[in-house]
């Protein structure tokens, strides 16, 4: 059986080929092997957002922040996902959350 990193690499190749649904399947396989694999959650956030699955995208981006709460990039990436969701939905809650995530990223950068 493939390990989580191998499955992630396969998913990344599928994503690059434009096979987004297949990439999602591989990423979910990777998470079945290692539920705390932050890189797979991060990739899922991006692919789900590209497919317009906003709630799933946000959930995966938030999971990355839970798994790496001291990493400023995790919160920057969450902010970007939230901004894209806002751009696609116009829902004000997403822009507020994006601003909060970016502020958290700034605070973490100051403490590193």
Protein backbone atom coordinates (compact mmCIF):
# COMPACT_ATOMS: atom_id res chain seq x y z
CA UNK A 1 0.00 0.00 0.00
CA UNK A 2 1.25 3.48 -0.88
CA UNK A 3 2.17 5.83 1.90
CA UNK A 4 0.64 9.29 2.32
CA UNK A 5 3.52 11.07 0.59
CA UNK A 6 3.37 8.79 -2.45
CA UNK A 7 -0.38 9.35 -2.70
CA UNK A 8 0.13 13.09 -2.36
CA UNK A 9 2.69 13.01 -5.18
CA UNK A 10 0.24 11.09 -7.38
CA UNK A 11 -2.48 13.62 -6.56
CA UNK A 12 -0.16 16.50 -7.41
CA UNK A 13 0.53 14.98 -10.83
CA UNK A 14 -3.20 14.50 -11.44
CA UNK A 15 -3.86 18.10 -10.42
CA UNK A 16 -1.19 19.32 -12.84
CA UNK A 17 -2.88 17.28 -15.59
CA UNK A 18 -6.20 18.97 -14.81
CA UNK A 19 -7.75 15.82 -13.36
CA UNK A 20 -9.08 17.58 -10.27
CA UNK A 21 -11.62 14.96 -9.18
CA UNK A 22 -9.00 12.22 -9.41
CA UNK A 23 -6.58 14.42 -7.47
CA UNK A 24 -9.18 14.85 -4.73
CA UNK A 25 -9.62 11.08 -4.52
CA UNK A 26 -5.87 10.54 -4.15
CA UNK A 27 -5.60 13.27 -1.52
CA UNK A 28 -8.42 11.68 0.44
CA UNK A 29 -6.59 8.35 0.20
CA UNK A 30 -3.50 10.08 1.61
CA UNK A 31 -5.57 11.43 4.50
CA UNK A 32 -6.98 7.97 5.15
CA UNK A 33 -3.38 6.84 5.69
CA UNK A 34 -2.40 9.95 7.68
CA UNK A 35 -5.32 12.16 8.79
CA UNK A 36 -2.89 14.80 10.08
CA UNK A 37 -0.99 15.22 6.79
CA UNK A 38 -1.16 19.01 6.56
CA UNK A 39 0.15 19.18 3.00
CA UNK A 40 -2.71 16.99 1.76
CA UNK A 41 -5.26 19.19 3.56
CA UNK A 42 -3.64 22.25 2.01
CA UNK A 43 -3.81 20.76 -1.48
CA UNK A 44 -7.42 19.72 -0.93
CA UNK A 45 -8.29 23.28 0.07
CA UNK A 46 -6.91 24.58 -3.21
CA UNK A 47 -8.50 21.95 -5.45
CA UNK A 48 -11.88 22.12 -3.70
CA UNK A 49 -11.85 25.90 -4.06
CA UNK A 50 -11.05 25.60 -7.78
CA UNK A 51 -14.10 23.34 -8.14
CA UNK A 52 -16.31 25.84 -6.30
CA UNK A 53 -16.72 23.67 -3.22
CA UNK A 54 -16.23 26.55 -0.85
CA UNK A 55 -17.16 24.95 2.45
CA UNK A 56 -14.86 21.98 1.88
CA UNK A 57 -12.04 24.30 0.82
CA UNK A 58 -12.38 26.39 3.96
CA UNK A 59 -12.60 23.29 6.18
CA UNK A 60 -9.35 21.89 4.81
CA UNK A 61 -7.56 25.24 5.06
CA UNK A 62 -8.72 25.57 8.67
CA UNK A 63 -7.49 22.05 9.39
CA UNK A 64 -4.02 23.06 8.21
CA UNK A 65 -4.10 25.90 10.75
CA UNK A 66 -5.11 23.45 13.47
CA UNK A 67 -2.28 21.10 12.53
CA UNK A 68 0.32 23.88 12.23
CA UNK A 69 -0.91 26.64 14.57
CA UNK A 70 2.51 28.30 14.82
CA UNK A 71 3.13 28.48 11.07
CA UNK A 72 2.30 31.93 9.66
CA UNK A 73 2.01 30.47 6.15
CA UNK A 74 -0.89 28.26 7.26
CA UNK A 75 -2.91 31.36 8.12
CA UNK A 76 -1.81 33.21 4.99
CA UNK A 77 -3.01 30.26 2.89
CA UNK A 78 -6.31 30.20 4.81
CA UNK A 79 -6.72 33.91 4.14
CA UNK A 80 -6.14 33.40 0.40
CA UNK A 81 -8.73 30.60 0.26
CA UNK A 82 -11.22 32.77 2.17
CA UNK A 83 -10.58 35.71 -0.17
CA UNK A 84 -11.21 33.53 -3.21
CA UNK A 85 -14.41 32.18 -1.66
CA UNK A 86 -15.52 35.74 -0.96
CA UNK A 87 -14.74 36.73 -4.56
CA UNK A 88 -16.93 33.87 -5.79
CA UNK A 89 -19.78 34.26 -3.32
CA UNK A 90 -19.80 37.89 -2.22
CA UNK A 91 -20.50 36.62 1.29
CA UNK A 92 -19.07 39.20 3.72
CA UNK A 93 -18.32 36.62 6.43
CA UNK A 94 -15.51 35.23 4.28
CA UNK A 95 -13.72 38.55 3.88
CA UNK A 96 -13.90 39.15 7.63
CA UNK A 97 -12.46 35.69 8.29
CA UNK A 98 -9.77 36.32 5.66
CA UNK A 99 -8.73 39.51 7.43
CA UNK A 100 -8.61 37.71 10.79
CA UNK A 101 -6.46 34.92 9.32
CA UNK A 102 -4.07 37.43 7.77
CA UNK A 103 -3.79 39.28 11.06
CA UNK A 104 -2.98 36.00 12.82
CA UNK A 105 -0.30 35.33 10.21
CA UNK A 106 1.23 38.77 10.82
CA UNK A 107 1.23 38.24 14.58
CA UNK A 108 2.96 34.87 14.22
CA UNK A 109 5.58 36.37 11.89
CA UNK A 110 6.38 39.05 14.47
CA UNK A 111 6.98 36.38 17.11
CA UNK A 112 9.33 34.29 14.95
